[in-house]
């Protein structure tokens, strides 16, 4: 896997993935940037949510669970001093659909966070990762 990153002025960088996708990274003006894209740390949180979300959606689809809506909110705390790495990350999974069973959701999330999600695996030795879920069953 390879990613190329090029400077776009001030503190902005554009990354291009091996699969041809582009992403601009930047910071807010008060930090010297122009807010042209997410920060690398915001992108890391989005990558974690995307990774575990794909796992959970796949596992629940195999269980024939019909999701109408599925979202993940990630809240994180960072160290006070540089490097300001994440110290705590809390994932909140929000499900809506028919016949969603809590046992299935719990199993899918735990499999993702503890076994399948490579982003989670990279973070777990340094970051306290917690998770919870909400289920809205529709009639």
N, C-alpha and C. Protein backbone atom coordinates (compact mmCIF):
# COMPACT_ATOMS: atom_id res chain seq x y z
N UNK A 1 0.85 -1.17 0.00
CA UNK A 1 0.00 0.00 0.00
C UNK A 1 0.90 1.24 0.00
N UNK A 2 0.49 2.22 -0.78
CA UNK A 2 1.30 3.44 -0.88
C UNK A 2 0.37 4.64 -0.97
N UNK A 3 0.80 5.74 -0.34
CA UNK A 3 0.13 7.03 -0.42
C UNK A 3 1.18 8.08 -0.72
N UNK A 4 0.89 8.96 -1.66
CA UNK A 4 1.77 10.09 -1.95
C UNK A 4 1.13 11.36 -1.40
N UNK A 5 1.93 12.20 -0.77
CA UNK A 5 1.44 13.44 -0.18
C UNK A 5 2.28 14.59 -0.72
N UNK A 6 1.61 15.67 -1.14
CA UNK A 6 2.34 16.83 -1.65
C UNK A 6 1.85 18.11 -0.97
N UNK A 7 2.79 19.00 -0.75
CA UNK A 7 2.52 20.28 -0.10
C UNK A 7 1.72 21.17 -1.01
N UNK A 8 0.69 21.85 -0.47
CA UNK A 8 -0.18 22.73 -1.26
C UNK A 8 -0.15 24.17 -0.76
N UNK A 9 0.90 24.54 -0.02
CA UNK A 9 1.02 25.89 0.51
C UNK A 9 0.61 25.96 1.97
N UNK A 10 1.19 26.93 2.66
CA UNK A 10 0.99 27.08 4.10
C UNK A 10 1.14 25.73 4.78
N UNK A 11 0.09 25.23 5.42
CA UNK A 11 0.18 23.93 6.11
C UNK A 11 -0.69 22.87 5.46
N UNK A 12 -1.17 23.13 4.25
CA UNK A 12 -2.04 22.17 3.56
C UNK A 12 -1.21 21.15 2.77
N UNK A 13 -1.70 19.93 2.79
CA UNK A 13 -1.10 18.83 2.02
C UNK A 13 -2.22 18.06 1.35
N UNK A 14 -1.94 17.57 0.16
CA UNK A 14 -2.90 16.70 -0.52
C UNK A 14 -2.32 15.31 -0.62
N UNK A 15 -3.10 14.35 -0.15
CA UNK A 15 -2.70 12.96 -0.25
C UNK A 15 -3.42 12.31 -1.41
N UNK A 16 -2.73 11.40 -2.07
CA UNK A 16 -3.37 10.60 -3.11
C UNK A 16 -3.06 9.14 -2.83
N UNK A 17 -4.12 8.35 -2.73
CA UNK A 17 -3.95 6.94 -2.40
C UNK A 17 -3.60 6.13 -3.63
N UNK A 18 -3.13 4.95 -3.38
CA UNK A 18 -2.80 4.02 -4.45
C UNK A 18 -4.00 3.74 -5.35
N UNK A 19 -5.20 3.81 -4.76
CA UNK A 19 -6.42 3.55 -5.53
C UNK A 19 -6.96 4.81 -6.22
N UNK A 20 -6.20 5.93 -6.13
CA UNK A 20 -6.56 7.13 -6.88
C UNK A 20 -7.44 8.13 -6.17
N UNK A 21 -7.67 7.97 -4.88
CA UNK A 21 -8.50 8.91 -4.13
C UNK A 21 -7.64 10.03 -3.56
N UNK A 22 -8.20 11.24 -3.54
CA UNK A 22 -7.47 12.41 -3.05
C UNK A 22 -8.12 12.94 -1.78
N UNK A 23 -7.28 13.48 -0.90
CA UNK A 23 -7.73 14.04 0.36
C UNK A 23 -6.81 15.18 0.73
N UNK A 24 -7.39 16.32 1.07
CA UNK A 24 -6.60 17.48 1.49
C UNK A 24 -6.61 17.54 3.01
N UNK A 25 -5.43 17.72 3.59
CA UNK A 25 -5.27 17.92 5.03
C UNK A 25 -4.89 19.37 5.28
N UNK A 26 -5.40 19.94 6.35
CA UNK A 26 -5.05 21.33 6.70
C UNK A 26 -5.37 21.54 8.17
N UNK A 27 -5.12 22.74 8.62
CA UNK A 27 -5.46 23.14 9.99
C UNK A 27 -6.21 24.47 9.93
N UNK A 28 -6.79 24.86 11.04
CA UNK A 28 -7.54 26.11 11.13
C UNK A 28 -6.61 27.32 11.01
N UNK A 29 -7.15 28.47 10.60
CA UNK A 29 -6.32 29.67 10.46
C UNK A 29 -5.57 30.06 11.73
N UNK A 30 -6.17 29.85 12.88
CA UNK A 30 -5.48 30.21 14.13
C UNK A 30 -4.25 29.34 14.39
N UNK A 31 -4.14 28.24 13.67
CA UNK A 31 -2.97 27.36 13.78
C UNK A 31 -2.04 27.52 12.57
N UNK A 32 -2.35 28.47 11.68
CA UNK A 32 -1.48 28.74 10.54
C UNK A 32 -1.95 28.19 9.21
N UNK A 33 -3.12 27.55 9.20
CA UNK A 33 -3.63 26.97 7.96
C UNK A 33 -4.77 27.78 7.38
N UNK A 34 -5.48 27.17 6.46
CA UNK A 34 -6.63 27.81 5.82
C UNK A 34 -7.90 26.98 5.93
N UNK A 35 -7.88 25.94 6.74
CA UNK A 35 -9.04 25.08 6.99
C UNK A 35 -9.61 24.50 5.69
N UNK A 36 -8.72 24.07 4.81
CA UNK A 36 -9.13 23.53 3.50
C UNK A 36 -9.48 22.06 3.56
N UNK A 37 -9.29 21.42 4.69
CA UNK A 37 -9.60 20.01 4.84
C UNK A 37 -9.45 19.61 6.29
N UNK A 38 -9.75 18.36 6.60
CA UNK A 38 -9.61 17.88 7.97
C UNK A 38 -8.14 17.82 8.39
N UNK A 39 -7.92 17.86 9.69
CA UNK A 39 -6.57 17.66 10.20
C UNK A 39 -6.23 16.18 10.12
N UNK A 40 -4.95 15.84 10.16
CA UNK A 40 -4.60 14.42 10.17
C UNK A 40 -5.24 13.66 11.34
N UNK A 41 -5.35 14.29 12.50
CA UNK A 41 -5.93 13.60 13.66
C UNK A 41 -7.44 13.40 13.47
N UNK A 42 -8.13 14.37 12.88
CA UNK A 42 -9.55 14.17 12.57
C UNK A 42 -9.72 13.02 11.58
N UNK A 43 -8.81 12.95 10.62
CA UNK A 43 -8.87 11.90 9.62
C UNK A 43 -8.65 10.53 10.25
N UNK A 44 -7.78 10.47 11.25
CA UNK A 44 -7.54 9.21 11.95
C UNK A 44 -8.81 8.73 12.66
N UNK A 45 -9.53 9.65 13.30
CA UNK A 45 -10.79 9.28 13.95
C UNK A 45 -11.82 8.81 12.93
N UNK A 46 -11.90 9.51 11.79
CA UNK A 46 -12.82 9.10 10.73
C UNK A 46 -12.44 7.72 10.19
N UNK A 47 -11.13 7.46 10.07
CA UNK A 47 -10.67 6.16 9.60
C UNK A 47 -11.07 5.06 10.58
N UNK A 48 -10.95 5.33 11.86
CA UNK A 48 -11.37 4.35 12.87
C UNK A 48 -12.86 4.06 12.74
N UNK A 49 -13.67 5.11 12.64
CA UNK A 49 -15.12 4.92 12.51
C UNK A 49 -15.47 4.19 11.22
N UNK A 50 -14.82 4.56 10.13
CA UNK A 50 -15.09 3.88 8.86
C UNK A 50 -14.71 2.42 8.89
N UNK A 51 -13.57 2.13 9.49
CA UNK A 51 -13.07 0.76 9.57
C UNK A 51 -14.03 -0.13 10.37
N UNK A 52 -14.35 0.31 11.58
CA UNK A 52 -15.22 -0.50 12.42
C UNK A 52 -16.64 -0.52 11.86
N UNK A 53 -17.07 0.59 11.25
CA UNK A 53 -18.40 0.63 10.64
C UNK A 53 -18.56 -0.39 9.53
N UNK A 54 -17.53 -0.50 8.68
CA UNK A 54 -17.58 -1.49 7.59
C UNK A 54 -17.68 -2.90 8.14
N UNK A 55 -16.88 -3.18 9.18
CA UNK A 55 -16.94 -4.50 9.81
C UNK A 55 -18.33 -4.80 10.35
N UNK A 56 -18.86 -3.86 11.14
CA UNK A 56 -20.15 -4.08 11.80
C UNK A 56 -21.26 -4.23 10.77
N UNK A 57 -21.27 -3.37 9.75
CA UNK A 57 -22.30 -3.47 8.71
C UNK A 57 -22.22 -4.83 8.00
N UNK A 58 -21.01 -5.29 7.73
CA UNK A 58 -20.83 -6.57 7.05
C UNK A 58 -21.31 -7.73 7.93
N UNK A 59 -20.94 -7.71 9.20
CA UNK A 59 -21.34 -8.78 10.12
C UNK A 59 -22.86 -8.80 10.28
N UNK A 60 -23.48 -7.62 10.44
CA UNK A 60 -24.93 -7.58 10.62
C UNK A 60 -25.66 -7.99 9.33
N UNK A 61 -25.09 -7.66 8.18
CA UNK A 61 -25.70 -8.09 6.92
C UNK A 61 -25.67 -9.62 6.80
N UNK A 62 -24.58 -10.23 7.25
CA UNK A 62 -24.50 -11.70 7.24
C UNK A 62 -25.56 -12.31 8.15
N UNK A 63 -25.94 -11.59 9.20
CA UNK A 63 -26.97 -12.05 10.12
C UNK A 63 -28.37 -11.69 9.61
N UNK A 64 -28.42 -11.11 8.41
CA UNK A 64 -29.66 -10.71 7.76
C UNK A 64 -30.43 -9.67 8.56
N UNK A 65 -29.69 -8.78 9.20
CA UNK A 65 -30.32 -7.68 9.94
C UNK A 65 -30.50 -6.52 8.97
N UNK A 66 -31.73 -6.03 8.90
CA UNK A 66 -32.09 -4.99 7.95
C UNK A 66 -31.94 -3.62 8.62
N UNK A 67 -30.80 -2.97 8.37
CA UNK A 67 -30.57 -1.64 8.92
C UNK A 67 -31.19 -0.59 8.01
N UNK A 68 -31.87 0.34 8.61
CA UNK A 68 -32.39 1.49 7.86
C UNK A 68 -31.38 2.63 7.94
N UNK A 69 -30.75 2.76 9.10
CA UNK A 69 -29.76 3.80 9.33
C UNK A 69 -28.71 3.29 10.30
N UNK A 70 -27.48 3.70 10.09
CA UNK A 70 -26.37 3.28 10.96
C UNK A 70 -25.34 4.40 10.94
N UNK A 71 -24.97 4.88 12.10
CA UNK A 71 -23.95 5.92 12.21
C UNK A 71 -23.06 5.69 13.41
N UNK A 72 -21.90 6.30 13.39
CA UNK A 72 -20.96 6.19 14.49
C UNK A 72 -20.45 7.58 14.83
N UNK A 73 -20.51 7.93 16.10
CA UNK A 73 -19.92 9.17 16.59
C UNK A 73 -18.67 8.82 17.37
N UNK A 74 -17.60 9.55 17.12
CA UNK A 74 -16.34 9.30 17.82
C UNK A 74 -15.97 10.55 18.61
N UNK A 75 -15.79 10.38 19.90
CA UNK A 75 -15.32 11.46 20.78
C UNK A 75 -13.95 11.06 21.29
N UNK A 76 -13.02 12.02 21.30
CA UNK A 76 -11.65 11.67 21.69
C UNK A 76 -11.06 12.73 22.60
N UNK A 77 -10.15 12.29 23.44
CA UNK A 77 -9.35 13.18 24.28
C UNK A 77 -7.90 13.03 23.86
N UNK A 78 -7.16 14.16 23.95
CA UNK A 78 -5.76 14.15 23.54
C UNK A 78 -4.86 14.52 24.70
N UNK A 79 -3.62 14.09 24.61
CA UNK A 79 -2.62 14.46 25.62
C UNK A 79 -2.43 15.98 25.59
N UNK A 80 -2.11 16.55 26.73
CA UNK A 80 -1.96 18.01 26.83
C UNK A 80 -0.67 18.51 26.18
N UNK A 81 0.36 17.68 26.19
CA UNK A 81 1.67 18.09 25.67
C UNK A 81 1.96 17.38 24.35
N UNK A 82 2.87 17.94 23.58
CA UNK A 82 3.28 17.33 22.31
C UNK A 82 4.08 16.07 22.55
N UNK A 83 3.92 15.04 21.78
CA UNK A 83 2.93 14.93 20.70
C UNK A 83 1.55 14.71 21.29
N UNK A 84 0.59 15.44 20.82
CA UNK A 84 -0.76 15.41 21.40
C UNK A 84 -1.56 14.22 20.83
N UNK A 85 -1.11 13.03 21.19
CA UNK A 85 -1.75 11.80 20.74
C UNK A 85 -3.08 11.61 21.47
N UNK A 86 -3.91 10.73 20.93
CA UNK A 86 -5.17 10.43 21.59
C UNK A 86 -4.90 9.57 22.82
N UNK A 87 -5.55 9.93 23.92
CA UNK A 87 -5.45 9.14 25.14
C UNK A 87 -6.70 8.29 25.35
N UNK A 88 -7.85 8.82 24.93
CA UNK A 88 -9.12 8.10 25.06
C UNK A 88 -9.95 8.33 23.81
N UNK A 89 -10.60 7.29 23.36
CA UNK A 89 -11.52 7.37 22.23
C UNK A 89 -12.78 6.62 22.61
N UNK A 90 -13.92 7.28 22.44
CA UNK A 90 -15.22 6.66 22.74
C UNK A 90 -16.04 6.61 21.46
N UNK A 91 -16.45 5.39 21.10
CA UNK A 91 -17.27 5.17 19.90
C UNK A 91 -18.71 4.95 20.34
N UNK A 92 -19.62 5.67 19.70
CA UNK A 92 -21.05 5.45 19.94
C UNK A 92 -21.68 5.03 18.62
N UNK A 93 -22.15 3.79 18.58
CA UNK A 93 -22.79 3.22 17.40
C UNK A 93 -24.29 3.46 17.53
N UNK A 94 -24.91 3.96 16.47
CA UNK A 94 -26.33 4.29 16.50
C UNK A 94 -27.03 3.55 15.37
N UNK A 95 -27.93 2.64 15.73
CA UNK A 95 -28.61 1.77 14.77
C UNK A 95 -30.10 2.08 14.72
N UNK A 96 -30.66 1.96 13.52
CA UNK A 96 -32.10 2.06 13.35
C UNK A 96 -32.52 1.03 12.31
N UNK A 97 -33.57 0.30 12.62
CA UNK A 97 -34.06 -0.71 11.68
C UNK A 97 -35.11 -1.58 12.34
N UNK A 98 -35.43 -2.67 11.67
CA UNK A 98 -36.45 -3.60 12.19
C UNK A 98 -35.78 -4.85 12.72
N UNK A 99 -36.21 -5.29 13.89
CA UNK A 99 -35.75 -6.56 14.45
C UNK A 99 -34.28 -6.61 14.83
N UNK A 100 -33.71 -5.47 15.19
CA UNK A 100 -32.30 -5.45 15.58
C UNK A 100 -32.19 -5.97 17.01
N UNK A 101 -31.41 -7.02 17.19
CA UNK A 101 -31.23 -7.61 18.51
C UNK A 101 -29.94 -7.10 19.14
N UNK A 102 -30.02 -6.75 20.40
CA UNK A 102 -28.85 -6.23 21.11
C UNK A 102 -27.69 -7.22 21.11
N UNK A 103 -27.98 -8.50 21.25
CA UNK A 103 -26.92 -9.51 21.25
C UNK A 103 -26.15 -9.52 19.92
N UNK A 104 -26.85 -9.33 18.81
CA UNK A 104 -26.19 -9.30 17.50
C UNK A 104 -25.31 -8.05 17.36
N UNK A 105 -25.82 -6.92 17.81
CA UNK A 105 -25.06 -5.67 17.76
C UNK A 105 -23.81 -5.78 18.62
N UNK A 106 -23.97 -6.26 19.83
CA UNK A 106 -22.83 -6.41 20.74
C UNK A 106 -21.76 -7.31 20.13
N UNK A 107 -22.17 -8.43 19.59
CA UNK A 107 -21.21 -9.37 19.00
C UNK A 107 -20.49 -8.73 17.81
N UNK A 108 -21.23 -8.05 16.95
CA UNK A 108 -20.62 -7.42 15.77
C UNK A 108 -19.61 -6.36 16.17
N UNK A 109 -19.95 -5.53 17.14
CA UNK A 109 -19.04 -4.47 17.58
C UNK A 109 -17.80 -5.08 18.22
N UNK A 110 -17.98 -6.04 19.09
CA UNK A 110 -16.83 -6.65 19.76
C UNK A 110 -15.91 -7.36 18.77
N UNK A 111 -16.47 -8.04 17.79
CA UNK A 111 -15.63 -8.67 16.76
C UNK A 111 -14.83 -7.63 15.99
N UNK A 112 -15.48 -6.52 15.67
CA UNK A 112 -14.79 -5.47 14.93
C UNK A 112 -13.66 -4.87 15.76
N UNK A 113 -14.00 -4.38 16.93
CA UNK A 113 -13.02 -3.66 17.76
C UNK A 113 -11.88 -4.57 18.21
N UNK A 114 -12.18 -5.81 18.53
CA UNK A 114 -11.17 -6.70 19.10
C UNK A 114 -10.48 -7.63 18.10
N UNK A 115 -11.04 -7.77 16.87
CA UNK A 115 -10.46 -8.74 15.96
C UNK A 115 -10.21 -8.21 14.54
N UNK A 116 -11.19 -7.58 13.95
CA UNK A 116 -11.11 -7.27 12.53
C UNK A 116 -10.61 -5.88 12.15
N UNK A 117 -10.94 -4.87 12.92
CA UNK A 117 -10.62 -3.49 12.52
C UNK A 117 -9.13 -3.20 12.71
N UNK A 118 -8.43 -3.03 11.58
CA UNK A 118 -6.98 -2.81 11.63
C UNK A 118 -6.63 -1.45 12.23
N UNK A 119 -7.48 -0.46 12.07
CA UNK A 119 -7.21 0.85 12.66
C UNK A 119 -7.29 0.74 14.18
N UNK A 120 -8.31 0.08 14.67
CA UNK A 120 -8.44 -0.15 16.11
C UNK A 120 -7.24 -0.92 16.66
N UNK A 121 -6.81 -1.93 15.93
CA UNK A 121 -5.66 -2.73 16.37
C UNK A 121 -4.40 -1.88 16.47
N UNK A 122 -4.24 -0.92 15.57
CA UNK A 122 -3.05 -0.06 15.61
C UNK A 122 -3.09 0.90 16.79
N UNK A 123 -4.28 1.28 17.22
CA UNK A 123 -4.41 2.27 18.30
C UNK A 123 -4.48 1.66 19.70
N UNK A 124 -4.95 0.43 19.81
CA UNK A 124 -5.35 -0.10 21.11
C UNK A 124 -4.23 -0.21 22.15
N UNK A 125 -2.99 -0.33 21.75
CA UNK A 125 -1.91 -0.42 22.74
C UNK A 125 -1.61 0.91 23.42
N UNK A 126 -2.02 2.01 22.80
CA UNK A 126 -1.70 3.32 23.34
C UNK A 126 -2.94 4.10 23.76
N UNK A 127 -4.08 3.75 23.21
CA UNK A 127 -5.30 4.52 23.41
C UNK A 127 -6.35 3.67 24.12
N UNK A 128 -7.00 4.26 25.10
CA UNK A 128 -8.13 3.59 25.76
C UNK A 128 -9.35 3.75 24.86
N UNK A 129 -9.81 2.66 24.26
CA UNK A 129 -10.96 2.69 23.36
C UNK A 129 -12.16 2.08 24.07
N UNK A 130 -13.24 2.85 24.12
CA UNK A 130 -14.49 2.35 24.71
C UNK A 130 -15.59 2.46 23.65
N UNK A 131 -16.67 1.74 23.87
CA UNK A 131 -17.76 1.78 22.91
C UNK A 131 -19.08 1.51 23.60
N UNK A 132 -20.10 2.02 22.97
CA UNK A 132 -21.48 1.78 23.42
C UNK A 132 -22.36 1.85 22.19
N UNK A 133 -23.62 1.47 22.34
CA UNK A 133 -24.51 1.48 21.20
C UNK A 133 -25.90 1.89 21.61
N UNK A 134 -26.64 2.38 20.62
CA UNK A 134 -28.04 2.73 20.77
C UNK A 134 -28.79 2.05 19.63
N UNK A 135 -29.95 1.50 19.96
CA UNK A 135 -30.74 0.80 18.96
C UNK A 135 -32.15 1.40 18.96
N UNK A 136 -32.62 1.79 17.78
CA UNK A 136 -34.00 2.23 17.61
C UNK A 136 -34.67 1.22 16.70
N UNK A 137 -35.50 0.36 17.29
CA UNK A 137 -36.23 -0.64 16.50
C UNK A 137 -37.51 -0.03 15.97
N UNK A 138 -37.69 -0.12 14.68
CA UNK A 138 -38.87 0.42 14.02
C UNK A 138 -39.96 -0.65 13.93
N UNK A 139 -41.17 -0.23 13.99
CA UNK A 139 -42.32 -1.15 13.88
C UNK A 139 -42.62 -1.43 12.44
